[in-house]
Every structure is written in structure tokens, then in C-alpha cells.
Amino acid sequence: MLIGGDFNNRAKQLLSLLSEKSDHTPDTKVAVEDLVEELELDRTELKNLLEYLEGRELVQIASIGGPFLYGHIKITQKGILKAGKLK
């Protein structure tokens, strides 16, 4: 998978939105479907973004299942700090 400018921008958008929806709390599960609707992501793009962010330890997959493969995700403390730097 190639990581380019568009992909990086979408990853930043996803991380920022996840941080907001979780109230900047690592224990809060956020429904993936809510993120998809706001960011208008397709299933493949979402899967690639989440795997990329999980590999960088910025998010944690909290549940699997549903129309987007992953049901819920959590932002990690490292992800919260990174999202804070994006603003």
C-alpha cells in the first residue's frame, strides 16, 4: 500500500474526528459507522486507514463486525496527543 498525501490527509481527518467523538478519552468506543458517514469513506479505504493507524498505535480496534468489518474503535493516548498536534 502506498502512503501518499491524500491518504495521509484522510488519516489525519479520521484521527481528529475520532478524538472529538471520544471526548479525548482512550476508553471510549466509537462506532466506525459514524466515522464513515461523516468522512464519506468506502470500506476498502476505511480498512486501510484503520490498519495504518493501528500499526502506528494511534487507534485500537475495539470490536469486529458490521458492514465496515470493524464495529468500534478506540483512540489511544498516543493518538490523542497526535490529534492535538494536528490542530
C-alpha atoms as a PDB file:
ATOM      1  CA  MET A   1       0.000   0.000   0.000  1.00  0.00           C
ATOM      2  CA  LEU A   2       1.354   3.383  -0.977  1.00  0.00           C
ATOM      3  CA  ILE A   3       1.094   6.192   1.505  1.00  0.00           C
ATOM      4  CA  GLY A   4       0.564   9.485  -0.276  1.00  0.00           C
ATOM      5  CA  GLY A   5      -0.654  12.954   0.531  1.00  0.00           C
ATOM      6  CA  ASP A   6      -4.342  12.158   0.095  1.00  0.00           C
ATOM      7  CA  PHE A   7      -4.074   9.045   2.268  1.00  0.00           C
ATOM      8  CA  ASN A   8      -2.203  10.971   4.956  1.00  0.00           C
ATOM      9  CA  ASN A   9      -4.806  13.740   4.927  1.00  0.00           C
ATOM     10  CA  ARG A  10      -7.640  11.212   5.301  1.00  0.00           C
ATOM     11  CA  ALA A  11      -5.777   9.529   8.173  1.00  0.00           C
ATOM     12  CA  LYS A  12      -5.424  12.894   9.918  1.00  0.00           C
ATOM     13  CA  GLN A  13      -9.116  13.661   9.385  1.00  0.00           C
ATOM     14  CA  LEU A  14     -10.090  10.270  10.780  1.00  0.00           C
ATOM     15  CA  LEU A  15      -7.836  10.654  13.815  1.00  0.00           C
ATOM     16  CA  SER A  16      -9.125  14.164  14.568  1.00  0.00           C
ATOM     17  CA  LEU A  17     -12.758  13.104  14.247  1.00  0.00           C
ATOM     18  CA  LEU A  18     -12.172  10.038  16.412  1.00  0.00           C
ATOM     19  CA  SER A  19     -10.547  12.225  19.056  1.00  0.00           C
ATOM     20  CA  GLU A  20     -13.561  14.553  19.080  1.00  0.00           C
ATOM     21  CA  LYS A  21     -16.159  11.756  19.138  1.00  0.00           C
ATOM     22  CA  SER A  22     -14.378  10.012  22.009  1.00  0.00           C
ATOM     23  CA  ASP A  23     -14.178  13.254  24.030  1.00  0.00           C
ATOM     24  CA  HIS A  24     -10.389  12.755  24.009  1.00  0.00           C
ATOM     25  CA  THR A  25     -10.783   9.633  26.184  1.00  0.00           C
ATOM     26  CA  PRO A  26      -8.980   6.388  25.306  1.00  0.00           C
ATOM     27  CA  ASP A  27     -11.602   4.171  26.974  1.00  0.00           C
ATOM     28  CA  THR A  28     -14.496   5.410  24.816  1.00  0.00           C
ATOM     29  CA  LYS A  29     -15.635   3.155  21.987  1.00  0.00           C
ATOM     30  CA  VAL A  30     -16.676   4.990  18.829  1.00  0.00           C
ATOM     31  CA  ALA A  31     -18.859   3.332  16.195  1.00  0.00           C
ATOM     32  CA  VAL A  32     -16.992   3.013  12.912  1.00  0.00           C
ATOM     33  CA  GLU A  33     -20.237   3.599  11.021  1.00  0.00           C
ATOM     34  CA  ASP A  34     -20.464   7.129  12.491  1.00  0.00           C
ATOM     35  CA  LEU A  35     -16.970   7.935  11.236  1.00  0.00           C
ATOM     36  CA  VAL A  36     -17.683   6.528   7.789  1.00  0.00           C
ATOM     37  CA  GLU A  37     -20.791   8.673   7.382  1.00  0.00           C
ATOM     38  CA  GLU A  38     -19.048  11.901   8.333  1.00  0.00           C
ATOM     39  CA  LEU A  39     -15.899  11.297   6.295  1.00  0.00           C
ATOM     40  CA  GLU A  40     -17.633   9.565   3.364  1.00  0.00           C
ATOM     41  CA  LEU A  41     -15.181   6.664   3.279  1.00  0.00           C
ATOM     42  CA  ASP A  42     -15.635   3.409   1.407  1.00  0.00           C
ATOM     43  CA  ARG A  43     -14.982   0.053   3.044  1.00  0.00           C
ATOM     44  CA  THR A  44     -11.534  -0.517   1.492  1.00  0.00           C
ATOM     45  CA  GLU A  45     -10.258   2.965   2.275  1.00  0.00           C
ATOM     46  CA  LEU A  46     -11.513   2.707   5.841  1.00  0.00           C
ATOM     47  CA  LYS A  47      -9.873  -0.690   6.352  1.00  0.00           C
ATOM     48  CA  ASN A  48      -6.541   0.629   5.049  1.00  0.00           C
ATOM     49  CA  LEU A  49      -6.716   3.765   7.195  1.00  0.00           C
ATOM     50  CA  LEU A  50      -7.576   1.861  10.376  1.00  0.00           C
ATOM     51  CA  GLU A  51      -4.846  -0.717   9.822  1.00  0.00           C
ATOM     52  CA  TYR A  52      -2.339   2.065   9.197  1.00  0.00           C
ATOM     53  CA  LEU A  53      -3.379   3.980  12.333  1.00  0.00           C
ATOM     54  CA  GLU A  54      -3.460   0.802  14.416  1.00  0.00           C
ATOM     55  CA  GLY A  55       0.033  -0.093  13.224  1.00  0.00           C
ATOM     56  CA  ARG A  56       1.239   3.299  14.429  1.00  0.00           C
ATOM     57  CA  GLU A  57      -0.512   2.626  17.796  1.00  0.00           C
ATOM     58  CA  LEU A  58      -2.815   5.630  17.367  1.00  0.00           C
ATOM     59  CA  VAL A  59      -6.064   3.628  17.445  1.00  0.00           C
ATOM     60  CA  GLN A  60      -7.180   0.296  18.827  1.00  0.00           C
ATOM     61  CA  ILE A  61      -9.802  -1.947  17.252  1.00  0.00           C
ATOM     62  CA  ALA A  62     -12.452  -2.484  19.943  1.00  0.00           C
ATOM     63  CA  SER A  63     -14.911  -4.749  18.109  1.00  0.00           C
ATOM     64  CA  ILE A  64     -15.117  -6.562  14.812  1.00  0.00           C
ATOM     65  CA  GLY A  65     -18.254  -6.965  12.740  1.00  0.00           C
ATOM     66  CA  GLY A  66     -20.840  -4.924  10.952  1.00  0.00           C
ATOM     67  CA  PRO A  67     -20.908  -3.529   7.436  1.00  0.00           C
ATOM     68  CA  PHE A  68     -17.436  -1.978   7.681  1.00  0.00           C
ATOM     69  CA  LEU A  69     -15.549  -5.008   9.064  1.00  0.00           C
ATOM     70  CA  TYR A  70     -14.785  -3.147  12.275  1.00  0.00           C
ATOM     71  CA  GLY A  71     -17.634  -2.213  14.601  1.00  0.00           C
ATOM     72  CA  HIS A  72     -15.958   0.086  17.117  1.00  0.00           C
ATOM     73  CA  ILE A  73     -12.541   1.635  17.616  1.00  0.00           C
ATOM     74  CA  LYS A  74     -10.842   3.497  20.430  1.00  0.00           C
ATOM     75  CA  ILE A  75      -8.236   6.205  20.217  1.00  0.00           C
ATOM     76  CA  THR A  76      -5.072   5.566  22.198  1.00  0.00           C
ATOM     77  CA  GLN A  77      -3.355   8.108  24.428  1.00  0.00           C
ATOM     78  CA  LYS A  78      -0.695   8.432  21.722  1.00  0.00           C
ATOM     79  CA  GLY A  79      -3.487   9.070  19.206  1.00  0.00           C
ATOM     80  CA  ILE A  80      -4.993  11.794  21.394  1.00  0.00           C
ATOM     81  CA  LEU A  81      -1.631  13.536  21.601  1.00  0.00           C
ATOM     82  CA  LYS A  82      -1.131  13.248  17.835  1.00  0.00           C
ATOM     83  CA  ALA A  83      -4.642  14.572  17.130  1.00  0.00           C
ATOM     84  CA  GLY A  84      -3.947  17.541  19.415  1.00  0.00           C
ATOM     85  CA  LYS A  85      -0.895  18.428  17.318  1.00  0.00           C
ATOM     86  CA  LEU A  86      -2.935  18.372  14.100  1.00  0.00           C
ATOM     87  CA  LYS A  87      -4.999  21.428  15.056  1.00  0.00           C
END
